[in-house]
Amino acid sequence: MIRIFSTAQNNKFREIDSIEPGAWIHLLDPSEEEIVSVRDALHIEDEFIRAALDSEEAVRIDVEDDQTLVLVDIPVVTSERNSFVYTTLPMGIIVTADNIITVCLEETSILEDFWNQNIRGGFDTCKKTRFLLQILYKNASKYLQYLRQIDKASTQVENALHKSMKNSELIQMLKLEKSLVYFSTSLKSNEVVLEKMLKSRVIKSYPDDLDLLEDVIVENKQAIEMGTIYRDILSGTMDAFASVISNNLNIVMKILTSLTIILAIPTLFASLWGMNVPVPFAAEPLGFLWVIVIAGICSGAAAYILWKKKMF
């Protein structure tokens, strides 16, 4: 799918039907025909467009003539069985002399904020460098937002684990930890790209743009620190609950073993007095009752001893 936006007319954001100078072209999981049409219309390197369509593509900056590709990882959240799964996908941002092009495999809330004009201070598609940095800033902010959601979700799962100790809660914790690993890896890769942009000046920028780039780097570093902290906390929580579950299992096994010993005593008496040989109390009218009383006394004594040894 191709969508084209522009603020070239009176700085008013609008969606247009054809490509024009200063326009923002967004490619969402484009077909081969759409790739060819945009490539031929803007004379973009074919590899630049296809790079973001590979979910395993490494983030980087490529420069070819007057075209620059900035490939970064963006956070993506999907619903799965009454829970949310967080992962990352590459998004390509191509800056040419006249236009800016974004390419992504899936819809992202990062760009939706631009479509809905939920950007503080507004934006201008004609100011390509600043627009690029605003997208990167929104990307870093979105990581922070999702990290807070992951932290909140992990707290809820932890509270559920205190009550149930089921495998489903542990699996949810494992998914959240996996999400944090994805986020941490992607954020560190994005940091390399941002540092390269700051040091090499591969993209033409202005003093205000440099301030914004530094803000993006700070925001990205904050997301890295938050991701590291949350991952350490979640990993420690997982280890603690694994120990608790193992300890609970040991307690259950200890109780069952004690009950087995106690129940084995009446069985022993029943076996002894059930043999087809002369046994004590065989001629007594109350012999059966005496056997029951003796077995009960022995079982009670065994239970008392086990209780004193904290086997219950």
C-alpha atoms as a PDB file:
ATOM      1  CA  MET A   1       0.000   0.000   0.000  1.00  0.00           C
ATOM      2  CA  ILE A   2       1.197   3.504  -0.861  1.00  0.00           C
ATOM      3  CA  ARG A   3       0.150   6.632   0.994  1.00  0.00           C
ATOM      4  CA  ILE A   4       1.414  10.107   0.141  1.00  0.00           C
ATOM      5  CA  PHE A   5       1.269  13.118   2.465  1.00  0.00           C
ATOM      6  CA  SER A   6       2.430  16.699   2.180  1.00  0.00           C
ATOM      7  CA  THR A   7       2.494  19.970   4.088  1.00  0.00           C
ATOM      8  CA  ALA A   8       3.783  21.953   1.105  1.00  0.00           C
ATOM      9  CA  GLN A   9       0.558  23.939   0.721  1.00  0.00           C
ATOM     10  CA  ASN A  10       0.203  26.543   3.505  1.00  0.00           C
ATOM     11  CA  ASN A  11       1.879  24.136   5.955  1.00  0.00           C
ATOM     12  CA  LYS A  12      -1.387  22.203   6.077  1.00  0.00           C
ATOM     13  CA  PHE A  13      -1.017  18.455   6.438  1.00  0.00           C
ATOM     14  CA  ARG A  14      -2.996  16.579   3.806  1.00  0.00           C
ATOM     15  CA  GLU A  15      -3.014  13.276   1.959  1.00  0.00           C
ATOM     16  CA  ILE A  16      -2.450  13.610  -1.773  1.00  0.00           C
ATOM     17  CA  ASP A  17      -2.823  11.312  -4.752  1.00  0.00           C
ATOM     18  CA  SER A  18       0.486  11.821  -6.576  1.00  0.00           C
ATOM     19  CA  ILE A  19       4.124  12.300  -5.691  1.00  0.00           C
ATOM     20  CA  GLU A  20       5.327  15.888  -5.596  1.00  0.00           C
ATOM     21  CA  PRO A  21       8.445  17.652  -4.240  1.00  0.00           C
ATOM     22  CA  GLY A  22       8.407  17.872  -0.467  1.00  0.00           C
ATOM     23  CA  ALA A  23       5.980  14.959  -0.092  1.00  0.00           C
ATOM     24  CA  TRP A  24       6.232  12.077   2.352  1.00  0.00           C
ATOM     25  CA  ILE A  25       5.679   8.675   0.722  1.00  0.00           C
ATOM     26  CA  HIS A  26       4.851   5.759   2.990  1.00  0.00           C
ATOM     27  CA  LEU A  27       5.092   2.164   1.730  1.00  0.00           C
ATOM     28  CA  LEU A  28       3.314  -0.424   3.864  1.00  0.00           C
ATOM     29  CA  ASP A  29       4.200  -3.990   2.852  1.00  0.00           C
ATOM     30  CA  PRO A  30       4.283  -2.856  -0.785  1.00  0.00           C
ATOM     31  CA  SER A  31       3.695  -5.132  -3.730  1.00  0.00           C
ATOM     32  CA  GLU A  32       6.258  -5.553  -6.487  1.00  0.00           C
ATOM     33  CA  GLU A  33       4.362  -3.122  -8.709  1.00  0.00           C
ATOM     34  CA  GLU A  34       4.294  -0.478  -5.971  1.00  0.00           C
ATOM     35  CA  ILE A  35       8.018  -0.875  -5.328  1.00  0.00           C
ATOM     36  CA  VAL A  36       8.822  -0.477  -9.011  1.00  0.00           C
ATOM     37  CA  SER A  37       6.553   2.544  -9.426  1.00  0.00           C
ATOM     38  CA  VAL A  38       8.081   4.447  -6.491  1.00  0.00           C
ATOM     39  CA  ARG A  39      11.607   3.408  -7.424  1.00  0.00           C
ATOM     40  CA  ASP A  40      11.223   4.627 -11.005  1.00  0.00           C
ATOM     41  CA  ALA A  41       9.388   7.814 -10.041  1.00  0.00           C
ATOM     42  CA  LEU A  42      11.996   8.928  -7.494  1.00  0.00           C
ATOM     43  CA  HIS A  43      15.037   7.100  -8.921  1.00  0.00           C
ATOM     44  CA  ILE A  44      15.711   5.383  -5.600  1.00  0.00           C
ATOM     45  CA  GLU A  45      18.110   2.505  -5.160  1.00  0.00           C
ATOM     46  CA  ASP A  46      16.097  -0.714  -5.298  1.00  0.00           C
ATOM     47  CA  GLU A  47      18.042  -2.128  -2.348  1.00  0.00           C
ATOM     48  CA  PHE A  48      17.065   0.842  -0.192  1.00  0.00           C
ATOM     49  CA  ILE A  49      13.368   0.042  -0.539  1.00  0.00           C
ATOM     50  CA  ARG A  50      13.709  -3.719  -0.114  1.00  0.00           C
ATOM     51  CA  ALA A  51      16.004  -3.500   2.929  1.00  0.00           C
ATOM     52  CA  ALA A  52      13.130  -2.708   5.304  1.00  0.00           C
ATOM     53  CA  LEU A  53      11.040  -5.573   3.896  1.00  0.00           C
ATOM     54  CA  ASP A  54      13.421  -8.153   5.367  1.00  0.00           C
ATOM     55  CA  SER A  55      12.459  -8.732   9.016  1.00  0.00           C
ATOM     56  CA  GLU A  56      16.010  -9.920   9.782  1.00  0.00           C
ATOM     57  CA  GLU A  57      17.792  -6.941   8.189  1.00  0.00           C
ATOM     58  CA  ALA A  58      20.409  -5.265  10.397  1.00  0.00           C
ATOM     59  CA  VAL A  59      20.024  -1.585  11.212  1.00  0.00           C
ATOM     60  CA  ARG A  60      22.419   0.750   9.441  1.00  0.00           C
ATOM     61  CA  ILE A  61      22.948   3.938   7.463  1.00  0.00           C
ATOM     62  CA  ASP A  62      23.718   3.778   3.748  1.00  0.00           C
ATOM     63  CA  VAL A  63      24.542   6.721   1.502  1.00  0.00           C
ATOM     64  CA  GLU A  64      24.383   6.573  -2.285  1.00  0.00           C
ATOM     65  CA  ASP A  65      24.802   9.812  -4.243  1.00  0.00           C
ATOM     66  CA  ASP A  66      22.109  12.177  -2.901  1.00  0.00           C
ATOM     67  CA  GLN A  67      20.116   9.405  -1.227  1.00  0.00           C
ATOM     68  CA  THR A  68      20.429   8.279   2.376  1.00  0.00           C
ATOM     69  CA  LEU A  69      18.883   5.184   3.947  1.00  0.00           C
ATOM     70  CA  VAL A  70      18.382   5.138   7.717  1.00  0.00           C
ATOM     71  CA  LEU A  71      17.278   1.653   8.797  1.00  0.00           C
ATOM     72  CA  VAL A  72      16.158   1.344  12.424  1.00  0.00           C
ATOM     73  CA  ASP A  73      14.247  -1.169  14.524  1.00  0.00           C
ATOM     74  CA  ILE A  74      10.813  -0.097  15.729  1.00  0.00           C
ATOM     75  CA  PRO A  75       8.717  -1.659  18.530  1.00  0.00           C
ATOM     76  CA  VAL A  76       5.622  -3.614  17.533  1.00  0.00           C
ATOM     77  CA  VAL A  77       2.904  -5.009  19.822  1.00  0.00           C
ATOM     78  CA  THR A  78       0.448  -7.721  18.835  1.00  0.00           C
ATOM     79  CA  SER A  79      -2.310  -9.487  20.777  1.00  0.00           C
ATOM     80  CA  GLU A  80      -2.085 -13.220  21.389  1.00  0.00           C
ATOM     81  CA  ARG A  81      -4.409 -15.330  23.558  1.00  0.00           C
ATOM     82  CA  ASN A  82      -5.573 -12.571  25.899  1.00  0.00           C
ATOM     83  CA  SER A  83      -2.059 -11.189  26.207  1.00  0.00           C
ATOM     84  CA  PHE A  84       0.282  -8.906  24.302  1.00  0.00           C
ATOM     85  CA  VAL A  85       3.507  -9.859  22.568  1.00  0.00           C
ATOM     86  CA  TYR A  86       6.167  -7.217  22.018  1.00  0.00           C
ATOM     87  CA  THR A  87       8.753  -7.526  19.283  1.00  0.00           C
ATOM     88  CA  THR A  88      10.649  -5.343  16.805  1.00  0.00           C
ATOM     89  CA  LEU A  89      10.669  -4.811  13.059  1.00  0.00           C
ATOM     90  CA  PRO A  90      12.957  -2.817  10.746  1.00  0.00           C
ATOM     91  CA  MET A  91      11.699   0.429   9.279  1.00  0.00           C
ATOM     92  CA  GLY A  92      13.509   2.158   6.446  1.00  0.00           C
ATOM     93  CA  ILE A  93      13.587   5.942   6.121  1.00  0.00           C
ATOM     94  CA  ILE A  94      14.945   7.131   2.788  1.00  0.00           C
ATOM     95  CA  VAL A  95      15.887  10.784   2.375  1.00  0.00           C
ATOM     96  CA  THR A  96      16.314  12.143  -1.149  1.00  0.00           C
ATOM     97  CA  ALA A  97      16.866  15.637  -2.475  1.00  0.00           C
ATOM     98  CA  ASP A  98      13.125  16.311  -2.730  1.00  0.00           C
ATOM     99  CA  ASN A  99      11.283  13.666  -0.708  1.00  0.00           C
ATOM    100  CA  ILE A 100      11.287  11.411   2.312  1.00  0.00           C
ATOM    101  CA  ILE A 101      10.106   7.798   2.041  1.00  0.00           C
ATOM    102  CA  THR A 102       9.262   5.393   4.844  1.00  0.00           C
ATOM    103  CA  VAL A 103       9.043   1.637   4.303  1.00  0.00           C
ATOM    104  CA  CYS A 104       7.722  -0.942   6.780  1.00  0.00           C
ATOM    105  CA  LEU A 105       6.236  -4.430   6.751  1.00  0.00           C
ATOM    106  CA  GLU A 106       3.496  -3.702   9.293  1.00  0.00           C
ATOM    107  CA  GLU A 107       1.410  -0.764  10.391  1.00  0.00           C
ATOM    108  CA  THR A 108       3.019   1.120  13.258  1.00  0.00           C
ATOM    109  CA  SER A 109       1.608   3.524  15.794  1.00  0.00           C
ATOM    110  CA  ILE A 110       4.740   5.646  15.389  1.00  0.00           C
ATOM    111  CA  LEU A 111       3.653   6.872  11.966  1.00  0.00           C
ATOM    112  CA  GLU A 112      -0.017   6.912  12.919  1.00  0.00           C
ATOM    113  CA  ASP A 113       0.778   9.719  15.345  1.00  0.00           C
ATOM    114  CA  PHE A 114       2.012  11.744  12.386  1.00  0.00           C
ATOM    115  CA  TRP A 115      -1.077  10.935  10.319  1.00  0.00           C
ATOM    116  CA  ASN A 116      -3.270  11.966  13.238  1.00  0.00           C
ATOM    117  CA  GLN A 117      -1.034  15.023  13.805  1.00  0.00           C
ATOM    118  CA  ASN A 118      -0.369  14.063  17.440  1.00  0.00           C
ATOM    119  CA  ILE A 119       3.118  15.577  17.285  1.00  0.00           C
ATOM    120  CA  ARG A 120       3.998  18.325  19.717  1.00  0.00           C
ATOM    121  CA  GLY A 121       5.061  21.439  17.814  1.00  0.00           C
ATOM    122  CA  GLY A 122       3.871  20.007  14.498  1.00  0.00           C
ATOM    123  CA  PHE A 123       6.018  18.849  11.594  1.00  0.00           C
ATOM    124  CA  ASP A 124       6.784  19.754   8.013  1.00  0.00           C
ATOM    125  CA  THR A 125       7.363  17.088   5.350  1.00  0.00           C
ATOM    126  CA  CYS A 126       9.425  19.603   3.349  1.00  0.00           C
ATOM    127  CA  LYS A 127      12.000  19.818   6.164  1.00  0.00           C
ATOM    128  CA  LYS A 128      13.251  16.327   5.542  1.00  0.00           C
ATOM    129  CA  THR A 129      16.065  16.192   8.116  1.00  0.00           C
ATOM    130  CA  ARG A 130      13.936  17.501  10.946  1.00  0.00           C
ATOM    131  CA  PHE A 131      11.074  15.232   9.929  1.00  0.00           C
ATOM    132  CA  LEU A 132      13.458  12.250   9.988  1.00  0.00           C
ATOM    133  CA  LEU A 133      14.652  13.166  13.477  1.00  0.00           C
ATOM    134  CA  GLN A 134      11.077  13.603  14.676  1.00  0.00           C
ATOM    135  CA  ILE A 135      10.300  10.068  13.496  1.00  0.00           C
ATOM    136  CA  LEU A 136      13.366   8.758  15.337  1.00  0.00           C
ATOM    137  CA  TYR A 137      12.390  10.679  18.478  1.00  0.00           C
ATOM    138  CA  LYS A 138       8.876   9.267  18.326  1.00  0.00           C
ATOM    139  CA  ASN A 139      10.397   5.791  17.884  1.00  0.00           C
ATOM    140  CA  ALA A 140      12.508   6.151  21.041  1.00  0.00           C
ATOM    141  CA  SER A 141       9.485   7.513  22.938  1.00  0.00           C
ATOM    142  CA  LYS A 142       7.408   4.553  21.797  1.00  0.00           C
ATOM    143  CA  TYR A 143      10.034   2.172  23.201  1.00  0.00           C
ATOM    144  CA  LEU A 144       9.714   3.928  26.562  1.00  0.00           C
ATOM    145  CA  GLN A 145       5.931   3.682  26.419  1.00  0.00           C
ATOM    146  CA  TYR A 146       5.999  -0.051  25.662  1.00  0.00           C
ATOM    147  CA  LEU A 147       8.644  -0.659  28.329  1.00  0.00           C
ATOM    148  CA  ARG A 148       6.317   0.878  30.917  1.00  0.00           C
ATOM    149  CA  GLN A 149       3.527  -1.363  29.653  1.00  0.00           C
ATOM    150  CA  ILE A 150       5.781  -4.411  29.983  1.00  0.00           C
ATOM    151  CA  ASP A 151       6.705  -3.413  33.530  1.00  0.00           C
ATOM    152  CA  LYS A 152       3.031  -2.988  34.424  1.00  0.00           C
ATOM    153  CA  ALA A 153       2.158  -6.338  32.815  1.00  0.00           C
ATOM    154  CA  SER A 154       4.969  -8.104  34.673  1.00  0.00           C
ATOM    155  CA  THR A 155       3.660  -6.692  37.981  1.00  0.00           C
ATOM    156  CA  GLN A 156       0.175  -8.038  37.216  1.00  0.00           C
ATOM    157  CA  VAL A 157       1.550 -11.465  36.299  1.00  0.00           C
ATOM    158  CA  GLU A 158       3.671 -11.462  39.459  1.00  0.00           C
ATOM    159  CA  ASN A 159       0.581 -10.780  41.581  1.00  0.00           C
ATOM    160  CA  ALA A 160      -1.216 -13.623  39.800  1.00  0.00           C
ATOM    161  CA  LEU A 161       1.722 -15.931  40.474  1.00  0.00           C
ATOM    162  CA  HIS A 162       1.452 -15.239  44.208  1.00  0.00           C
ATOM    163  CA  LYS A 163      -2.045 -16.736  44.104  1.00  0.00           C
ATOM    164  CA  SER A 164      -1.988 -19.509  41.512  1.00  0.00           C
ATOM    165  CA  MET A 165       1.586 -20.622  40.714  1.00  0.00           C
ATOM    166  CA  LYS A 166       0.385 -21.991  37.377  1.00  0.00           C
ATOM    167  CA  ASN A 167       2.479 -22.606  34.289  1.00  0.00           C
ATOM    168  CA  SER A 168       0.420 -20.072  32.310  1.00  0.00           C
ATOM    169  CA  GLU A 169       1.702 -17.186  34.435  1.00  0.00           C
ATOM    170  CA  LEU A 170       5.286 -18.392  34.107  1.00  0.00           C
ATOM    171  CA  ILE A 171       4.878 -18.603  30.329  1.00  0.00           C
ATOM    172  CA  GLN A 172       3.613 -15.001  30.296  1.00  0.00           C
ATOM    173  CA  MET A 173       6.634 -13.915  32.327  1.00  0.00           C
ATOM    174  CA  LEU A 174       8.877 -15.735  29.858  1.00  0.00           C
ATOM    175  CA  LYS A 175       7.226 -13.889  26.940  1.00  0.00           C
ATOM    176  CA  LEU A 176       7.762 -10.551  28.650  1.00  0.00           C
ATOM    177  CA  GLU A 177      11.404 -11.375  29.291  1.00  0.00           C
ATOM    178  CA  LYS A 178      11.789 -12.346  25.631  1.00  0.00           C
ATOM    179  CA  SER A 179      10.253  -9.003  24.618  1.00  0.00           C
ATOM    180  CA  LEU A 180      12.746  -7.151  26.791  1.00  0.00           C
ATOM    181  CA  VAL A 181      15.601  -9.006  25.112  1.00  0.00           C
ATOM    182  CA  TYR A 182      14.296  -7.920  21.697  1.00  0.00           C
ATOM    183  CA  PHE A 183      13.930  -4.342  22.865  1.00  0.00           C
ATOM    184  CA  SER A 184      17.373  -4.160  24.464  1.00  0.00           C
ATOM    185  CA  THR A 185      19.077  -5.579  21.373  1.00  0.00           C
ATOM    186  CA  SER A 186      17.219  -3.251  18.994  1.00  0.00           C
ATOM    187  CA  LEU A 187      17.779  -0.168  21.148  1.00  0.00           C
ATOM    188  CA  LYS A 188      21.516  -0.782  21.284  1.00  0.00           C
ATOM    189  CA  SER A 189      21.605  -1.220  17.502  1.00  0.00           C
ATOM    190  CA  ASN A 190      19.644   2.000  17.049  1.00  0.00           C
ATOM    191  CA  GLU A 191      22.101   3.758  19.348  1.00  0.00           C
ATOM    192  CA  VAL A 192      24.939   2.905  16.967  1.00  0.00           C
ATOM    193  CA  VAL A 193      22.995   4.440  14.076  1.00  0.00           C
ATOM    194  CA  LEU A 194      22.222   7.609  16.049  1.00  0.00           C
ATOM    195  CA  GLU A 195      25.832   8.033  17.155  1.00  0.00           C
ATOM    196  CA  LYS A 196      26.955   7.634  13.567  1.00  0.00           C
ATOM    197  CA  MET A 197      24.479  10.292  12.480  1.00  0.00           C
ATOM    198  CA  LEU A 198      25.840  12.652  15.132  1.00  0.00           C
ATOM    199  CA  LYS A 199      29.529  12.081  14.419  1.00  0.00           C
ATOM    200  CA  SER A 200      29.671  11.645  10.658  1.00  0.00           C
ATOM    201  CA  ARG A 201      26.978  14.168   9.718  1.00  0.00           C
ATOM    202  CA  VAL A 202      25.812  11.892   6.913  1.00  0.00           C
ATOM    203  CA  ILE A 203      22.582  13.867   6.810  1.00  0.00           C
ATOM    204  CA  LYS A 204      22.552  17.599   6.207  1.00  0.00           C
ATOM    205  CA  SER A 205      21.414  19.255   9.419  1.00  0.00           C
ATOM    206  CA  TYR A 206      21.048  22.610  11.103  1.00  0.00           C
ATOM    207  CA  PRO A 207      21.712  23.760  14.702  1.00  0.00           C
ATOM    208  CA  ASP A 208      18.121  23.117  15.792  1.00  0.00           C
ATOM    209  CA  ASP A 209      18.277  19.692  14.156  1.00  0.00           C
ATOM    210  CA  LEU A 210      21.443  18.828  16.074  1.00  0.00           C
ATOM    211  CA  ASP A 211      19.684  19.654  19.332  1.00  0.00           C
ATOM    212  CA  LEU A 212      16.833  17.363  18.326  1.00  0.00           C
ATOM    213  CA  LEU A 213      19.285  14.592  17.388  1.00  0.00           C
ATOM    214  CA  GLU A 214      20.901  14.883  20.819  1.00  0.00           C
ATOM    215  CA  ASP A 215      17.437  14.639  22.388  1.00  0.00           C
ATOM    216  CA  VAL A 216      16.813  11.481  20.358  1.00  0.00           C
ATOM    217  CA  ILE A 217      20.091   9.983  21.599  1.00  0.00           C
ATOM    218  CA  VAL A 218      19.227  10.841  25.216  1.00  0.00           C
ATOM    219  CA  GLU A 219      15.753   9.337  24.842  1.00  0.00           C
ATOM    220  CA  ASN A 220      17.216   6.187  23.296  1.00  0.00           C
ATOM    221  CA  LYS A 221      19.779   5.847  26.107  1.00  0.00           C
ATOM    222  CA  GLN A 222      17.024   6.211  28.671  1.00  0.00           C
ATOM    223  CA  ALA A 223      15.078   3.439  26.950  1.00  0.00           C
ATOM    224  CA  ILE A 224      18.200   1.225  27.009  1.00  0.00           C
ATOM    225  CA  GLU A 225      18.650   1.805  30.741  1.00  0.00           C
ATOM    226  CA  MET A 226      14.986   1.142  31.466  1.00  0.00           C
ATOM    227  CA  GLY A 227      15.066  -2.029  29.372  1.00  0.00           C
ATOM    228  CA  THR A 228      18.154  -3.267  31.219  1.00  0.00           C
ATOM    229  CA  ILE A 229      16.629  -2.551  34.625  1.00  0.00           C
ATOM    230  CA  TYR A 230      13.311  -4.187  33.794  1.00  0.00           C
ATOM    231  CA  ARG A 231      15.025  -7.224  32.295  1.00  0.00           C
ATOM    232  CA  ASP A 232      17.201  -7.690  35.401  1.00  0.00           C
ATOM    233  CA  ILE A 233      14.162  -7.346  37.670  1.00  0.00           C
ATOM    234  CA  LEU A 234      12.114  -9.764  35.589  1.00  0.00           C
ATOM    235  CA  SER A 235      14.958 -12.270  35.404  1.00  0.00           C
ATOM    236  CA  GLY A 236      15.414 -12.124  39.181  1.00  0.00           C
ATOM    237  CA  THR A 237      11.669 -12.504  39.701  1.00  0.00           C
ATOM    238  CA  MET A 238      11.574 -15.538  37.402  1.00  0.00           C
ATOM    239  CA  ASP A 239      14.440 -17.175  39.318  1.00  0.00           C
ATOM    240  CA  ALA A 240      12.760 -16.426  42.651  1.00  0.00           C
ATOM    241  CA  PHE A 241       9.435 -17.893  41.572  1.00  0.00           C
ATOM    242  CA  ALA A 242      11.161 -20.954  40.129  1.00  0.00           C
ATOM    243  CA  SER A 243      12.718 -21.525  43.558  1.00  0.00           C
ATOM    244  CA  VAL A 244       9.362 -20.936  45.281  1.00  0.00           C
ATOM    245  CA  ILE A 245       7.598 -23.412  43.005  1.00  0.00           C
ATOM    246  CA  SER A 246      10.338 -25.992  43.584  1.00  0.00           C
ATOM    247  CA  ASN A 247      10.101 -25.434  47.335  1.00  0.00           C
ATOM    248  CA  ASN A 248       6.300 -25.791  47.230  1.00  0.00           C
ATOM    249  CA  LEU A 249       6.695 -29.069  45.388  1.00  0.00           C
ATOM    250  CA  ASN A 250       9.122 -30.301  48.049  1.00  0.00           C
ATOM    251  CA  ILE A 251       6.616 -29.371  50.769  1.00  0.00           C
ATOM    252  CA  VAL A 252       3.815 -31.254  49.014  1.00  0.00           C
ATOM    253  CA  MET A 253       6.038 -34.313  48.574  1.00  0.00           C
ATOM    254  CA  LYS A 254       7.035 -34.165  52.246  1.00  0.00           C
ATOM    255  CA  ILE A 255       3.399 -34.053  53.356  1.00  0.00           C
ATOM    256  CA  LEU A 256       2.425 -36.907  51.056  1.00  0.00           C
ATOM    257  CA  THR A 257       5.334 -38.993  52.367  1.00  0.00           C
ATOM    258  CA  SER A 258       4.264 -38.368  55.963  1.00  0.00           C
ATOM    259  CA  LEU A 259       0.670 -39.324  55.164  1.00  0.00           C
ATOM    260  CA  THR A 260       1.907 -42.496  53.462  1.00  0.00           C
ATOM    261  CA  ILE A 261       3.842 -43.489  56.589  1.00  0.00           C
ATOM    262  CA  ILE A 262       0.857 -42.842  58.849  1.00  0.00           C
ATOM    263  CA  LEU A 263      -1.545 -44.787  56.626  1.00  0.00           C
ATOM    264  CA  ALA A 264       0.923 -47.656  56.314  1.00  0.00           C
ATOM    265  CA  ILE A 265       0.689 -48.439  60.048  1.00  0.00           C
ATOM    266  CA  PRO A 266      -3.009 -49.527  60.057  1.00  0.00           C
ATOM    267  CA  THR A 267      -2.314 -51.457  56.877  1.00  0.00           C
ATOM    268  CA  LEU A 268       0.527 -53.282  58.669  1.00  0.00           C
ATOM    269  CA  PHE A 269      -1.739 -54.258  61.596  1.00  0.00           C
ATOM    270  CA  ALA A 270      -4.492 -55.371  59.205  1.00  0.00           C
ATOM    271  CA  SER A 271      -1.999 -57.548  57.338  1.00  0.00           C
ATOM    272  CA  LEU A 272      -0.615 -59.147  60.496  1.00  0.00           C
ATOM    273  CA  TRP A 273      -4.027 -59.921  62.011  1.00  0.00           C
ATOM    274  CA  GLY A 274      -5.416 -61.029  58.677  1.00  0.00           C
ATOM    275  CA  MET A 275      -3.051 -64.021  58.345  1.00  0.00           C
ATOM    276  CA  ASN A 276      -4.531 -67.513  58.572  1.00  0.00           C
ATOM    277  CA  VAL A 277      -2.526 -68.437  61.710  1.00  0.00           C
ATOM    278  CA  PRO A 278      -3.195 -68.061  65.444  1.00  0.00           C
ATOM    279  CA  VAL A 279      -2.815 -64.388  66.440  1.00  0.00           C
ATOM    280  CA  PRO A 280      -3.328 -62.481  69.719  1.00  0.00           C
ATOM    281  CA  PHE A 281      -6.927 -61.507  70.561  1.00  0.00           C
ATOM    282  CA  ALA A 282      -8.206 -64.143  68.123  1.00  0.00           C
ATOM    283  CA  ALA A 283     -10.479 -65.632  70.825  1.00  0.00           C
ATOM    284  CA  GLU A 284     -11.471 -62.305  72.353  1.00  0.00           C
ATOM    285  CA  PRO A 285     -14.968 -60.967  71.538  1.00  0.00           C
ATOM    286  CA  LEU A 286     -13.545 -57.443  71.332  1.00  0.00           C
ATOM    287  CA  GLY A 287     -10.354 -58.524  69.564  1.00  0.00           C
ATOM    288  CA  PHE A 288     -11.109 -56.560  66.401  1.00  0.00           C
ATOM    289  CA  LEU A 289     -11.708 -53.401  68.460  1.00  0.00           C
ATOM    290  CA  TRP A 290      -8.424 -53.901  70.326  1.00  0.00           C
ATOM    291  CA  VAL A 291      -6.547 -54.216  67.038  1.00  0.00           C
ATOM    292  CA  ILE A 292      -8.178 -50.986  65.790  1.00  0.00           C
ATOM    293  CA  VAL A 293      -7.283 -49.162  69.019  1.00  0.00           C
ATOM    294  CA  ILE A 294      -3.657 -50.325  68.923  1.00  0.00           C
ATOM    295  CA  ALA A 295      -3.335 -49.371  65.244  1.00  0.00           C
ATOM    296  CA  GLY A 296      -4.861 -45.941  66.001  1.00  0.00           C
ATOM    297  CA  ILE A 297      -2.471 -45.373  68.919  1.00  0.00           C
ATOM    298  CA  CYS A 298       0.553 -46.307  66.805  1.00  0.00           C
ATOM    299  CA  SER A 299      -0.616 -44.095  63.930  1.00  0.00           C
ATOM    300  CA  GLY A 300      -1.224 -41.197  66.338  1.00  0.00           C
ATOM    301  CA  ALA A 301       2.240 -41.640  67.838  1.00  0.00           C
ATOM    302  CA  ALA A 302       3.796 -41.658  64.371  1.00  0.00           C
ATOM    303  CA  ALA A 303       1.844 -38.534  63.408  1.00  0.00           C
ATOM    304  CA  TYR A 304       2.994 -36.759  66.596  1.00  0.00           C
ATOM    305  CA  ILE A 305       6.630 -37.645  65.953  1.00  0.00           C
ATOM    306  CA  LEU A 306       6.424 -36.441  62.337  1.00  0.00           C
ATOM    307  CA  TRP A 307       4.708 -33.215  63.454  1.00  0.00           C
ATOM    308  CA  LYS A 308       7.463 -32.574  65.993  1.00  0.00           C
ATOM    309  CA  LYS A 309       9.983 -33.008  63.209  1.00  0.00           C
ATOM    310  CA  LYS A 310       8.002 -30.429  61.143  1.00  0.00           C
ATOM    311  CA  MET A 311       7.040 -32.921  58.477  1.00  0.00           C
ATOM    312  CA  PHE A 312       3.582 -31.297  58.277  1.00  0.00           C
END
